[in-house]
Amino acid sequence: MCEIRPFAALRYDFARTKGDLSTLLAPPYDVLGQSDKDALLRRSDKNIVSIDLPHIPPKSAGPAEVYEHAAEELGKWVDEGTLLRESQPAIYLYHQRFEHGGRPYIRRMFIARVRLQPFSEGTIMPHERTFGGPKEDRLALMKTTGCQLSPIFALYTDPEDKVGVAFAGTAAVPPDATGRLDGVENRVWIVTDQGLCNQVAGLLADKKLYIADGHHRYTTALNYRDWVTAEQGGSLSEDPPANFCMFVLASMDDPGCLILPYNRALAEVELQTVLDAWSPGTEEVTADKADIVLWDGPTGQEAPLRFTDRDKLAALEPDQPVPWYKLDYAYLHRYLIDELLSAKLGVEPQVRYVKSAENAKQAAREESGVALLVNATPMAHMRAVSEAGGLMPQKSTYFHPKLATGLTINPLK
């Protein structure tokens, strides 16, 4: 069972900002570097990145003082009124308006707490393998601030748009706040009507949630709950906020819920070498029939390819669920790269993970390599693999656009 609850978020004082959060929002912490942080802080020294990204890079824990400073800054913002605590529990309706491919889109979502459950219970589902980077950074930040600053992004099924219908009246009035970030307009409405909150929670009670972005953060929330339990002598006498995690939830049936390709680039390898290595499993075709397009960095030459031996995956990975064998990314990595190209080169090739096709080409130019321009994973494939208990290869999905950090903060005390 999926348990959704409203919560009294810690958030910016919308009255102080006159409803405009543009200088205060930030992209997810794990896509930012020092220059990105500096640019955001030039927009406002109260930008959420000041607290959400105390250590760079956030792939391991930094010194204790950076997290203590983040907690002190958070406390100061509360004391001076920059941040305030919602007066009553709420669900936060969240829309993102953006353009892609020359078309306008609206991705309709809402922010709420979700009861934590281990993946093994089958209600909250991972969908891809994650890199093995440590999670100490996020755990240290949660311990010192007593807050969850970045939400988990997850999807649910709603082909009849029942949640959208429930929120229709809310979305028909002007939002309580907006913020423009990286060309995306983020809109948020505060929903304190407990009848509506209960209705939405009921609509999702029997749903599965498929994590789209934030696998590491979800695991960190589980670790934080375990830490709180240990701090209280091994058991929780009440139902504390640590049992819950802040999610942004969207219907995978929403036309605005886009999955874009997550491209790759191979460093220091020639196009012909890749074509020769992959000849047992591909054939050259026209671009409209291609499963992947190779783009040569030094020359700009393109080679559209079709995958020709998908049955090979079953022999290489006999224990995978049936939907996994249909994944282009599985075929690309497990067969074409791990088997054929590695054997041809005699070493494991260097693979760069790059979202946009242009950036993948740029990486291929800079590293005398080959860009791998792939097709996006269909939403139905992602769902089928998750429900079958499989995990997609790393970086198999790119959900566009990224969520904004700073709309709500989840207090854990």
Protein backbone atom coordinates (compact mmCIF):
# COMPACT_ATOMS: atom_id res chain seq x y z
CA MET A 1 0.00 0.00 0.00
CA CYS A 2 1.22 3.50 -0.87
CA GLU A 3 0.66 5.97 1.97
CA ILE A 4 0.55 9.64 0.91
CA ARG A 5 0.37 12.36 3.52
CA PRO A 6 0.22 16.16 3.49
CA PHE A 7 2.89 17.92 5.54
CA ALA A 8 3.67 21.34 6.93
CA ALA A 9 6.63 22.23 4.73
CA LEU A 10 9.37 24.67 5.50
CA ARG A 11 9.38 27.08 2.57
CA TYR A 12 10.28 30.58 1.44
CA ASP A 13 7.91 33.31 2.59
CA PHE A 14 5.98 33.88 -0.64
CA ALA A 15 4.69 37.22 0.65
CA ARG A 16 8.27 38.49 1.05
CA THR A 17 9.22 37.38 -2.45
CA LYS A 18 5.93 38.68 -3.93
CA GLY A 19 5.35 35.17 -5.23
CA ASP A 20 8.52 35.14 -7.36
CA LEU A 21 11.07 32.42 -6.51
CA SER A 22 13.22 32.78 -9.62
CA THR A 23 16.40 33.85 -7.80
CA LEU A 24 15.93 31.33 -4.99
CA LEU A 25 15.45 28.01 -6.80
CA ALA A 26 18.24 25.69 -7.95
CA PRO A 27 18.61 22.58 -10.10
CA PRO A 28 19.17 19.27 -8.28
CA TYR A 29 22.41 19.36 -6.29
CA ASP A 30 23.97 16.39 -8.09
CA VAL A 31 24.15 18.18 -11.46
CA LEU A 32 25.93 21.25 -10.06
CA GLY A 33 29.60 22.19 -9.77
CA GLN A 34 31.31 25.05 -8.01
CA SER A 35 30.81 27.48 -10.90
CA ASP A 36 27.10 26.63 -11.01
CA LYS A 37 26.78 27.23 -7.27
CA ASP A 38 28.62 30.54 -7.54
CA ALA A 39 26.34 31.68 -10.37
CA LEU A 40 23.21 30.84 -8.37
CA LEU A 41 24.50 32.67 -5.30
CA ARG A 42 25.19 35.74 -7.42
CA ARG A 43 21.47 35.82 -8.14
CA SER A 44 20.72 35.72 -4.41
CA ASP A 45 22.67 34.85 -1.28
CA LYS A 46 19.44 33.21 -0.09
CA ASN A 47 19.38 30.73 -2.98
CA ILE A 48 18.63 27.21 -1.70
CA VAL A 49 21.94 25.96 -3.13
CA SER A 50 23.68 27.67 -0.20
CA ILE A 51 22.24 24.99 2.09
CA ASP A 52 21.60 22.09 -0.28
CA LEU A 53 25.15 21.90 -1.66
CA PRO A 54 27.58 22.49 1.21
CA HIS A 55 30.26 20.17 -0.19
CA ILE A 56 31.51 19.89 -3.79
CA PRO A 57 31.57 17.35 -5.30
CA PRO A 58 28.80 15.68 -3.27
CA LYS A 59 30.01 12.16 -4.10
CA SER A 60 31.39 11.62 -0.61
CA ALA A 61 31.08 13.29 2.75
CA GLY A 62 32.91 16.55 3.28
CA PRO A 63 34.31 17.91 6.54
CA ALA A 64 31.83 18.19 9.40
CA GLU A 65 32.03 21.97 9.47
CA VAL A 66 30.42 22.40 6.03
CA TYR A 67 27.27 20.61 7.20
CA GLU A 68 27.27 22.49 10.49
CA HIS A 69 27.48 25.73 8.52
CA ALA A 70 24.53 24.64 6.34
CA ALA A 71 22.47 23.92 9.47
CA GLU A 72 23.41 27.30 10.97
CA GLU A 73 22.43 29.06 7.74
CA LEU A 74 19.11 27.24 7.65
CA GLY A 75 18.41 28.23 11.25
CA LYS A 76 19.30 31.86 10.50
CA TRP A 77 16.92 31.95 7.53
CA VAL A 78 14.12 30.64 9.74
CA ASP A 79 14.88 33.13 12.53
CA GLU A 80 14.92 36.11 10.17
CA GLY A 81 11.75 35.01 8.36
CA THR A 82 13.26 34.10 5.00
CA LEU A 83 11.84 30.62 5.55
CA LEU A 84 8.62 29.86 7.36
CA ARG A 85 6.82 26.71 8.46
CA GLU A 86 3.42 26.08 6.89
CA SER A 87 0.71 26.65 9.48
CA GLN A 88 -1.09 23.39 8.65
CA PRO A 89 -0.39 20.22 6.66
CA ALA A 90 -0.65 20.65 2.90
CA ILE A 91 -0.08 18.99 -0.42
CA TYR A 92 1.70 21.25 -2.90
CA LEU A 93 0.44 21.15 -6.47
CA TYR A 94 3.44 21.63 -8.76
CA HIS A 95 3.40 22.34 -12.51
CA GLN A 96 6.31 22.85 -14.85
CA ARG A 97 5.69 24.74 -18.11
CA PHE A 98 8.36 24.30 -20.77
CA GLU A 99 9.05 23.82 -24.45
CA HIS A 100 10.68 20.89 -26.19
CA GLY A 101 11.11 20.39 -29.89
CA GLY A 102 9.22 23.59 -30.55
CA ARG A 103 6.13 22.38 -28.65
CA PRO A 104 4.77 23.68 -25.32
CA TYR A 105 4.29 21.19 -22.47
CA ILE A 106 2.97 21.18 -18.91
CA ARG A 107 4.15 18.46 -16.54
CA ARG A 108 1.58 18.22 -13.73
CA MET A 109 2.81 16.97 -10.37
CA PHE A 110 2.32 17.35 -6.65
CA ILE A 111 4.59 17.32 -3.60
CA ALA A 112 3.73 15.21 -0.56
CA ARG A 113 5.22 12.89 2.01
CA VAL A 114 5.29 9.16 1.26
CA ARG A 115 5.81 6.48 3.88
CA LEU A 116 9.20 4.83 3.46
CA GLN A 117 9.26 1.19 2.43
CA PRO A 118 12.14 -1.04 1.37
CA PHE A 119 12.19 -1.84 -2.35
CA SER A 120 11.57 -5.49 -1.47
CA GLU A 121 7.98 -4.70 -0.46
CA GLY A 122 7.15 -3.90 -4.08
CA THR A 123 5.31 -0.60 -3.67
CA ILE A 124 8.19 1.80 -4.30
CA MET A 125 10.09 0.58 -7.33
CA PRO A 126 13.58 1.40 -8.58
CA HIS A 127 14.01 1.35 -12.34
CA GLU A 128 17.73 1.45 -13.06
CA ARG A 129 21.10 0.56 -11.65
CA THR A 130 22.84 3.41 -9.91
CA PHE A 131 26.50 4.30 -9.64
CA GLY A 132 28.13 3.08 -6.46
CA GLY A 133 28.98 6.54 -5.12
CA PRO A 134 28.63 6.85 -1.34
CA LYS A 135 25.60 8.50 0.21
CA GLU A 136 27.35 9.93 3.26
CA ASP A 137 27.06 13.51 1.97
CA ARG A 138 23.26 13.52 1.92
CA LEU A 139 23.04 11.64 5.21
CA ALA A 140 25.37 14.12 6.92
CA LEU A 141 23.28 17.02 5.61
CA MET A 142 20.03 15.42 6.82
CA LYS A 143 21.48 14.75 10.27
CA THR A 144 22.75 18.28 10.83
CA THR A 145 19.84 20.21 9.31
CA GLY A 146 17.09 17.84 10.40
CA CYS A 147 15.55 18.32 6.96
CA GLN A 148 15.20 16.68 3.59
CA LEU A 149 16.04 19.43 1.12
CA SER A 150 15.76 17.62 -2.24
CA PRO A 151 12.68 15.60 -3.20
CA ILE A 152 12.49 12.18 -4.82
CA PHE A 153 10.82 12.20 -8.24
CA ALA A 154 8.50 9.26 -8.85
CA LEU A 155 5.75 8.22 -11.27
CA TYR A 156 2.42 6.46 -10.89
CA THR A 157 -0.16 5.18 -13.36
CA ASP A 158 -3.32 7.22 -13.90
CA PRO A 159 -4.67 6.62 -17.42
CA GLU A 160 -8.02 8.23 -16.54
CA ASP A 161 -6.28 11.29 -15.03
CA LYS A 162 -8.24 11.03 -11.79
CA VAL A 163 -5.58 12.94 -9.84
CA GLY A 164 -5.53 15.68 -12.48
CA VAL A 165 -9.31 15.99 -12.28
CA ALA A 166 -9.15 16.23 -8.49
CA PHE A 167 -6.68 19.11 -8.71
CA ALA A 168 -8.43 20.86 -11.62
CA GLY A 169 -10.09 23.49 -9.44
CA THR A 170 -6.81 24.34 -7.74
CA ALA A 171 -4.95 24.67 -11.04
CA ALA A 172 -7.64 26.98 -12.41
CA VAL A 173 -6.64 29.83 -10.09
CA PRO A 174 -3.30 31.71 -10.08
CA PRO A 175 -0.49 29.84 -8.30
CA ASP A 176 0.78 30.90 -4.89
CA ALA A 177 4.29 31.26 -6.27
CA THR A 178 6.23 30.87 -9.51
CA GLY A 179 9.90 30.63 -10.34
CA ARG A 180 11.69 30.54 -13.66
CA LEU A 181 14.79 28.35 -13.81
CA ASP A 182 16.75 27.27 -16.90
CA GLY A 183 13.90 28.22 -19.22
CA VAL A 184 11.27 26.31 -17.21
CA GLU A 185 8.43 28.02 -15.34
CA ASN A 186 7.79 26.30 -12.00
CA ARG A 187 4.35 26.93 -10.46
CA VAL A 188 3.21 25.88 -6.98
CA TRP A 189 -0.17 25.97 -5.22
CA ILE A 190 -0.63 25.29 -1.48
CA VAL A 191 -3.49 22.82 -0.94
CA THR A 192 -4.65 22.75 2.68
CA ASP A 193 -8.14 21.38 1.98
CA GLN A 194 -7.90 18.13 3.94
CA GLY A 195 -10.81 16.63 2.01
CA LEU A 196 -8.91 17.11 -1.25
CA CYS A 197 -5.67 15.87 0.31
CA ASN A 198 -7.45 12.73 1.52
CA GLN A 199 -9.05 12.23 -1.89
CA VAL A 200 -5.67 12.35 -3.66
CA ALA A 201 -4.10 10.05 -1.06
CA GLY A 202 -6.94 7.60 -1.61
CA LEU A 203 -6.46 7.64 -5.38
CA LEU A 204 -2.84 6.55 -4.94
CA ALA A 205 -3.34 4.10 -2.06
CA ASP A 206 -3.19 1.02 -4.30
CA LYS A 207 -0.59 2.39 -6.72
CA LYS A 208 3.05 1.55 -7.20
CA LEU A 209 5.54 4.42 -7.31
CA TYR A 210 8.34 4.17 -9.87
CA ILE A 211 11.37 6.24 -8.91
CA ALA A 212 12.36 8.37 -11.88
CA ASP A 213 15.13 10.36 -10.22
CA GLY A 214 16.59 10.14 -6.72
CA HIS A 215 17.43 6.47 -6.09
CA HIS A 216 20.40 7.48 -3.92
CA ARG A 217 18.34 10.03 -2.02
CA TYR A 218 15.66 7.47 -1.30
CA THR A 219 18.20 5.01 0.07
CA THR A 220 19.62 7.83 2.18
CA ALA A 221 16.15 8.48 3.62
CA LEU A 222 15.96 4.82 4.64
CA ASN A 223 19.39 5.13 6.26
CA TYR A 224 18.31 8.27 8.09
CA ARG A 225 15.25 6.49 9.46
CA ASP A 226 17.49 3.66 10.69
CA TRP A 227 19.79 6.21 12.34
CA VAL A 228 16.86 7.87 14.13
CA THR A 229 15.64 4.46 15.26
CA ALA A 230 19.06 3.63 16.69
CA GLU A 231 19.25 7.02 18.40
CA GLN A 232 15.95 6.21 20.13
CA GLY A 233 17.15 2.87 21.45
CA GLY A 234 16.15 0.66 18.55
CA SER A 235 12.43 1.37 18.32
CA LEU A 236 10.16 4.29 17.51
CA SER A 237 7.36 4.77 20.02
CA GLU A 238 5.50 7.18 17.73
CA ASP A 239 5.25 7.74 13.96
CA PRO A 240 7.93 10.39 13.41
CA PRO A 241 8.60 12.32 10.19
CA ALA A 242 11.67 10.13 9.66
CA ASN A 243 9.28 7.37 8.57
CA PHE A 244 8.36 9.51 5.55
CA CYS A 245 10.13 11.02 2.57
CA MET A 246 9.26 14.06 0.43
CA PHE A 247 8.29 13.07 -3.11
CA VAL A 248 7.32 14.90 -6.26
CA LEU A 249 4.74 12.65 -7.89
CA ALA A 250 3.62 12.68 -11.54
CA SER A 251 1.44 10.46 -13.67
CA MET A 252 3.40 8.53 -16.27
CA ASP A 253 0.32 8.94 -18.47
CA ASP A 254 0.64 12.73 -18.44
CA PRO A 255 1.61 14.01 -21.94
CA GLY A 256 4.04 16.39 -20.24
CA CYS A 257 6.00 13.57 -18.62
CA LEU A 258 8.80 13.22 -21.16
CA ILE A 259 11.67 10.73 -21.29
CA LEU A 260 14.51 11.93 -23.51
CA PRO A 261 17.56 9.99 -24.70
CA TYR A 262 20.60 9.72 -22.47
CA ASN A 263 23.44 9.66 -24.98
CA ARG A 264 26.95 8.28 -24.63
CA ALA A 265 30.40 9.09 -25.97
CA LEU A 266 33.32 6.71 -26.34
CA ALA A 267 36.73 8.30 -25.77
CA GLU A 268 39.83 7.72 -27.92
CA VAL A 269 38.40 5.18 -30.32
CA GLU A 270 37.99 5.27 -34.10
CA LEU A 271 34.62 4.96 -35.79
CA GLN A 272 35.77 2.10 -38.02
CA THR A 273 37.03 0.21 -34.98
CA VAL A 274 33.58 0.41 -33.41
CA LEU A 275 31.85 -0.60 -36.65
CA ASP A 276 34.14 -3.60 -37.08
CA ALA A 277 33.66 -4.67 -33.47
CA TRP A 278 29.88 -4.39 -33.66
CA SER A 279 29.43 -6.06 -37.03
CA PRO A 280 28.12 -9.34 -35.51
CA GLY A 281 25.30 -7.48 -33.78
CA THR A 282 24.42 -4.53 -36.03
CA GLU A 283 23.88 -3.54 -39.63
CA GLU A 284 23.96 -0.14 -41.31
CA VAL A 285 20.53 1.25 -42.20
CA THR A 286 18.90 4.55 -43.04
CA ALA A 287 18.55 7.01 -40.15
CA ASP A 288 14.78 6.53 -39.85
CA LYS A 289 15.25 2.81 -39.10
CA ALA A 290 18.22 3.17 -36.74
CA ASP A 291 18.36 1.94 -33.15
CA ILE A 292 21.51 3.99 -32.66
CA VAL A 293 23.52 6.53 -34.66
CA LEU A 294 27.31 6.65 -34.36
CA TRP A 295 28.90 10.07 -34.88
CA ASP A 296 32.62 10.34 -35.45
CA GLY A 297 34.28 13.16 -33.49
CA PRO A 298 37.22 13.90 -35.82
CA THR A 299 35.23 13.84 -39.10
CA GLY A 300 31.53 14.30 -38.26
CA GLN A 301 30.70 11.15 -40.23
CA GLU A 302 27.46 9.43 -39.20
CA ALA A 303 26.68 5.70 -39.21
CA PRO A 304 23.04 4.72 -38.43
CA LEU A 305 22.83 1.14 -37.14
CA ARG A 306 20.08 -1.38 -36.41
CA PHE A 307 20.44 -4.01 -33.69
CA THR A 308 20.30 -7.43 -35.34
CA ASP A 309 20.88 -10.06 -32.64
CA ARG A 310 18.73 -9.12 -29.65
CA ASP A 311 18.35 -12.80 -28.69
CA LYS A 312 22.00 -12.68 -27.67
CA LEU A 313 21.04 -10.96 -24.44
CA ALA A 314 19.19 -14.00 -23.13
CA ALA A 315 22.35 -16.07 -23.46
CA LEU A 316 24.52 -13.41 -21.80
CA GLU A 317 22.05 -12.62 -18.99
CA PRO A 318 19.76 -15.64 -18.54
CA ASP A 319 18.37 -14.46 -15.19
CA GLN A 320 16.92 -11.14 -16.36
CA PRO A 321 13.14 -10.64 -16.68
CA VAL A 322 11.68 -10.81 -20.18
CA PRO A 323 11.08 -7.02 -20.58
CA TRP A 324 14.76 -6.33 -19.91
CA TYR A 325 15.76 -8.04 -23.15
CA LYS A 326 13.82 -5.46 -25.17
CA LEU A 327 15.87 -2.52 -23.86
CA ASP A 328 18.16 -0.77 -26.34
CA TYR A 329 20.43 0.29 -23.48
CA ALA A 330 20.77 -3.30 -22.29
CA TYR A 331 21.78 -4.44 -25.77
CA LEU A 332 24.17 -1.51 -26.16
CA HIS A 333 26.00 -2.05 -22.88
CA ARG A 334 25.84 -5.76 -22.15
CA TYR A 335 26.51 -6.98 -25.68
CA LEU A 336 27.91 -4.29 -27.94
CA ILE A 337 30.17 -2.55 -25.41
CA ASP A 338 30.92 -5.13 -22.70
CA GLU A 339 31.35 -8.08 -25.06
CA LEU A 340 32.19 -7.01 -28.59
CA LEU A 341 33.97 -3.68 -28.19
CA SER A 342 35.90 -4.69 -25.08
CA ALA A 343 37.16 -7.79 -26.88
CA LYS A 344 38.19 -5.72 -29.91
CA LEU A 345 40.06 -3.11 -27.84
CA GLY A 346 41.48 -5.51 -25.28
CA VAL A 347 40.39 -3.12 -22.52
CA GLU A 348 37.15 -1.75 -21.17
CA PRO A 349 36.25 1.37 -23.21
CA GLN A 350 35.80 4.76 -21.57
CA VAL A 351 32.11 5.68 -21.68
CA ARG A 352 30.86 9.21 -21.04
CA TYR A 353 27.19 9.73 -20.16
CA VAL A 354 25.86 12.88 -21.85
CA LYS A 355 22.25 14.07 -22.08
CA SER A 356 22.10 16.18 -25.23
CA ALA A 357 23.20 14.98 -28.65
CA GLU A 358 25.24 18.15 -29.16
CA ASN A 359 27.15 17.64 -25.92
CA ALA A 360 27.80 14.02 -26.85
CA LYS A 361 29.24 15.18 -30.17
CA GLN A 362 31.34 17.78 -28.38
CA ALA A 363 32.75 15.10 -26.07
CA ALA A 364 33.57 12.94 -29.10
CA ARG A 365 35.37 15.87 -30.76
CA GLU A 366 37.37 16.73 -27.66
CA GLU A 367 38.37 13.14 -26.90
CA SER A 368 38.87 11.88 -30.48
CA GLY A 369 36.09 9.41 -30.05
CA VAL A 370 32.61 8.45 -31.14
CA ALA A 371 29.25 9.78 -29.94
CA LEU A 372 26.51 7.19 -29.43
CA LEU A 373 23.16 8.83 -30.19
CA VAL A 374 20.43 6.57 -28.84
CA ASN A 375 16.65 6.48 -28.84
CA ALA A 376 14.71 7.37 -25.71
CA THR A 377 13.44 4.53 -23.52
CA PRO A 378 9.65 4.29 -23.91
CA MET A 379 7.71 4.82 -20.68
CA ALA A 380 6.05 1.43 -21.13
CA HIS A 381 9.44 -0.30 -21.22
CA MET A 382 10.54 1.38 -18.00
CA ARG A 383 7.35 0.35 -16.25
CA ALA A 384 7.53 -3.24 -17.52
CA VAL A 385 11.13 -3.72 -16.38
CA SER A 386 10.37 -2.25 -12.93
CA GLU A 387 7.28 -4.39 -12.42
CA ALA A 388 9.20 -7.50 -13.43
CA GLY A 389 11.84 -6.76 -10.79
CA GLY A 390 14.57 -5.82 -13.25
CA LEU A 391 16.95 -2.89 -13.25
CA MET A 392 17.86 -0.95 -16.37
CA PRO A 393 21.49 -0.06 -17.12
CA GLN A 394 22.85 3.14 -15.60
CA LYS A 395 21.56 6.36 -17.14
CA SER A 396 18.89 4.72 -19.31
CA THR A 397 16.37 7.50 -18.82
CA TYR A 398 16.50 11.28 -18.83
CA PHE A 399 13.33 12.82 -17.44
CA HIS A 400 13.01 16.34 -18.77
CA PRO A 401 12.98 18.89 -17.28
CA LYS A 402 14.77 18.51 -13.95
CA LEU A 403 12.82 19.38 -10.83
CA ALA A 404 13.52 22.65 -9.06
CA THR A 405 14.96 22.47 -5.55
CA GLY A 406 13.69 25.02 -3.04
CA LEU A 407 9.92 24.94 -3.50
CA THR A 408 9.45 22.99 -0.27
CA ILE A 409 11.70 21.58 2.46
CA ASN A 410 10.66 18.53 4.47
CA PRO A 411 11.28 18.99 8.22
CA LEU A 412 12.30 15.73 9.86
CA LYS A 413 11.97 16.83 13.47
